[in-house]
Amino acid sequence: MRISLLLLAAAGLALSPTCPAAQSGGASIADTTEIWSTWSGAGRMELRADYLPGYGLEILVDGRAADDRTSNTLAIRDLGSLSFHAVGGQFQDFIDGRLDLVTNVVLAHGDRRVSLEQLVATPGHDPRNGHPALLLTDPQGRHLLTLTHLHIIADAKTEVLTIHNAEVLAMPALARA
């Protein structure tokens, strides 16, 4: 199965990776308790730099400032997998695991820089409502961003899970980084 993420975020960050995945445990697509797993792949990340100047933030891609919308490659390294529960192709929740993401993005605020070039995505829940979320941490283990309000489409026929329109929350560790 491939997993495709398209996160159109109010905070100005959007991801669109596609990565292969396989059904685990030999369950058929019609089973009511389906566990799916993802692993390495590649995709696109759309950056919405036009949202951030009001906050004094700038997105740097390959060292250059992004002014508006830019689309860049995103690599998903083969260092783990992310499992999720999809009953009859209907996404329910993330279960466990991790995906290692590699980008060419740095956030800038004045003379400060925070690299988003290596991130680890792990499952979590939005503390406000308990809905599924993806937590993004850097190599130092700092929880920088949380992807919430995930609008998810799971297509069992094509074996593609697509995440659309996610909210990107900046965490306190991002401000301290």
Protein backbone atom coordinates (compact mmCIF):
# COMPACT_ATOMS: atom_id res chain seq x y z
CA MET A 1 0.00 0.00 0.00
CA ARG A 2 1.14 3.55 -0.66
CA ILE A 3 0.39 6.32 1.78
CA SER A 4 -0.04 9.82 0.46
CA LEU A 5 -0.16 12.83 2.75
CA LEU A 6 -1.35 16.24 1.63
CA LEU A 7 -1.42 18.56 4.60
CA LEU A 8 -2.79 22.00 3.76
CA ALA A 9 -2.02 23.78 6.97
CA ALA A 10 -3.02 27.13 8.31
CA ALA A 11 0.49 27.49 9.73
CA GLY A 12 1.85 27.35 6.21
CA LEU A 13 3.33 23.86 5.98
CA ALA A 14 1.96 21.15 3.71
CA LEU A 15 3.31 17.66 3.08
CA SER A 16 2.54 15.36 0.22
CA PRO A 17 4.68 12.21 0.51
CA THR A 18 3.83 8.92 -1.10
CA CYS A 19 5.24 5.80 0.48
CA PRO A 20 4.58 2.09 -0.01
CA ALA A 21 2.77 0.11 2.63
CA ALA A 22 1.58 -3.43 3.08
CA GLN A 23 -1.21 -5.02 4.98
CA SER A 24 0.17 -6.92 7.96
CA GLY A 25 -1.07 -10.13 9.50
CA GLY A 26 -2.47 -11.51 6.23
CA ALA A 27 -5.87 -9.85 6.73
CA SER A 28 -7.96 -9.27 3.62
CA ILE A 29 -9.20 -5.84 2.56
CA ALA A 30 -12.72 -6.83 3.58
CA ASP A 31 -11.70 -7.72 7.18
CA THR A 32 -13.19 -5.48 9.84
CA THR A 33 -9.96 -5.23 11.84
CA GLU A 34 -7.30 -4.14 9.41
CA ILE A 35 -3.85 -3.15 10.49
CA TRP A 36 -1.75 -1.47 7.80
CA SER A 37 1.92 -0.49 7.87
CA THR A 38 3.93 2.06 5.90
CA TRP A 39 7.64 2.35 5.28
CA SER A 40 10.10 4.27 3.11
CA GLY A 41 9.17 6.33 0.09
CA ALA A 42 9.26 9.78 -1.40
CA GLY A 43 6.85 12.57 -2.09
CA ARG A 44 6.28 16.29 -2.26
CA MET A 45 6.02 18.93 0.42
CA GLU A 46 4.11 22.10 -0.34
CA LEU A 47 5.17 25.14 1.66
CA ARG A 48 2.83 28.07 2.18
CA ALA A 49 5.30 30.83 3.02
CA ASP A 50 2.62 33.48 2.44
CA TYR A 51 1.03 32.72 5.85
CA LEU A 52 4.11 33.29 7.98
CA PRO A 53 5.48 36.85 7.50
CA GLY A 54 2.84 38.23 9.87
CA TYR A 55 4.44 36.09 12.59
CA GLY A 56 7.97 37.23 11.71
CA LEU A 57 8.77 33.78 10.32
CA GLU A 58 10.43 32.87 7.07
CA ILE A 59 10.75 29.50 5.35
CA LEU A 60 14.13 28.73 3.83
CA VAL A 61 14.32 26.02 1.17
CA ASP A 62 17.84 25.01 0.18
CA GLY A 63 19.03 28.19 1.92
CA ARG A 64 16.75 30.52 -0.09
CA ALA A 65 13.65 32.32 1.19
CA ALA A 66 10.32 30.99 -0.07
CA ASP A 67 7.95 33.87 -0.88
CA ASP A 68 4.72 32.09 -1.74
CA ARG A 69 3.85 28.46 -2.46
CA THR A 70 6.72 26.16 -3.29
CA SER A 71 6.71 22.42 -3.80
CA ASN A 72 9.75 20.43 -2.71
CA THR A 73 10.77 16.79 -2.43
CA LEU A 74 10.35 14.89 0.80
CA ALA A 75 12.12 11.61 1.52
CA ILE A 76 10.78 9.00 3.92
CA ARG A 77 13.68 6.89 5.12
CA ASP A 78 13.53 3.14 5.56
CA LEU A 79 14.25 3.28 9.28
CA GLY A 80 10.92 2.12 10.60
CA SER A 81 7.25 1.96 9.80
CA LEU A 82 4.02 3.56 10.92
CA SER A 83 1.01 1.33 11.59
CA PHE A 84 -2.60 2.42 11.45
CA HIS A 85 -6.03 0.87 11.87
CA ALA A 86 -8.42 1.12 8.92
CA VAL A 87 -11.65 -0.86 9.19
CA GLY A 88 -12.83 -1.71 5.68
CA GLY A 89 -10.60 1.05 4.35
CA GLN A 90 -11.97 3.60 6.83
CA PHE A 91 -9.10 5.16 8.78
CA GLN A 92 -9.64 4.89 12.54
CA ASP A 93 -6.36 5.76 14.24
CA PHE A 94 -2.60 5.43 14.14
CA ILE A 95 -1.33 2.52 16.21
CA ASP A 96 2.41 2.81 16.62
CA GLY A 97 5.71 3.18 14.83
CA ARG A 98 7.54 6.05 13.24
CA LEU A 99 8.50 7.53 9.90
CA ASP A 100 11.78 9.38 9.41
CA LEU A 101 11.29 12.39 7.12
CA VAL A 102 14.04 14.25 5.28
CA THR A 103 13.34 17.73 3.89
CA ASN A 104 15.31 20.76 2.69
CA VAL A 105 13.43 23.18 4.97
CA VAL A 106 14.59 25.53 7.72
CA LEU A 107 12.41 27.99 9.65
CA ALA A 108 13.94 31.41 10.30
CA HIS A 109 13.01 34.16 12.74
CA GLY A 110 15.43 37.05 12.56
CA ASP A 111 18.89 35.55 13.01
CA ARG A 112 17.56 32.32 14.57
CA ARG A 113 17.23 29.12 12.52
CA VAL A 114 15.39 25.87 13.28
CA SER A 115 16.11 22.97 10.97
CA LEU A 116 13.19 20.84 9.80
CA GLU A 117 15.57 18.87 7.57
CA GLN A 118 15.25 15.70 9.66
CA LEU A 119 12.00 14.94 11.45
CA VAL A 120 10.49 11.85 13.03
CA ALA A 121 6.70 11.41 12.72
CA THR A 122 5.09 9.32 15.48
CA PRO A 123 1.43 8.73 16.26
CA GLY A 124 -0.27 10.67 19.00
CA HIS A 125 -3.57 12.29 19.87
CA ASP A 126 -4.71 15.89 19.96
CA PRO A 127 -4.99 16.73 23.69
CA ARG A 128 -7.91 19.05 22.94
CA ASN A 129 -10.21 16.40 21.47
CA GLY A 130 -8.45 13.00 21.48
CA HIS A 131 -8.42 12.76 17.68
CA PRO A 132 -5.45 11.12 15.87
CA ALA A 133 -2.41 13.31 15.35
CA LEU A 134 1.17 13.01 14.12
CA LEU A 135 3.91 14.34 16.38
CA LEU A 136 7.01 15.70 14.63
CA THR A 137 10.28 15.67 16.57
CA ASP A 138 13.80 16.62 15.56
CA PRO A 139 16.93 14.42 15.95
CA GLN A 140 17.41 15.82 19.48
CA GLY A 141 13.98 14.49 20.44
CA ARG A 142 12.35 17.92 20.71
CA HIS A 143 8.64 17.84 19.88
CA LEU A 144 8.50 20.77 17.43
CA LEU A 145 5.19 20.37 15.58
CA THR A 146 1.93 18.44 15.87
CA LEU A 147 -0.27 17.69 12.87
CA THR A 148 -3.92 17.68 13.99
CA HIS A 149 -7.40 17.77 12.46
CA LEU A 150 -6.26 15.20 9.92
CA HIS A 151 -8.84 14.76 7.17
CA ILE A 152 -8.15 11.21 5.99
CA ILE A 153 -9.30 9.18 3.00
CA ALA A 154 -8.43 5.48 2.85
CA ASP A 155 -8.98 3.71 -0.48
CA ALA A 156 -8.71 -0.05 0.04
CA LYS A 157 -8.96 -0.77 -3.72
CA THR A 158 -5.95 1.32 -4.67
CA GLU A 159 -4.32 0.79 -1.26
CA VAL A 160 -3.75 4.50 -0.76
CA LEU A 161 -4.31 6.45 2.44
CA THR A 162 -4.43 10.21 1.87
CA ILE A 163 -4.28 12.81 4.62
CA HIS A 164 -5.69 16.19 3.56
CA ASN A 165 -6.10 19.51 5.33
CA ALA A 166 -4.18 19.11 8.56
CA GLU A 167 -3.60 21.83 11.09
CA VAL A 168 0.07 22.30 12.01
CA LEU A 169 0.55 23.31 15.64
CA ALA A 170 3.84 24.83 16.74
CA MET A 171 4.86 23.35 20.08
CA PRO A 172 6.71 25.20 22.88
CA ALA A 173 9.95 23.38 21.98
CA LEU A 174 9.88 25.09 18.57
CA ALA A 175 9.96 28.53 20.21
CA ARG A 176 12.85 27.44 22.44
CA ALA A 177 14.83 25.81 19.60
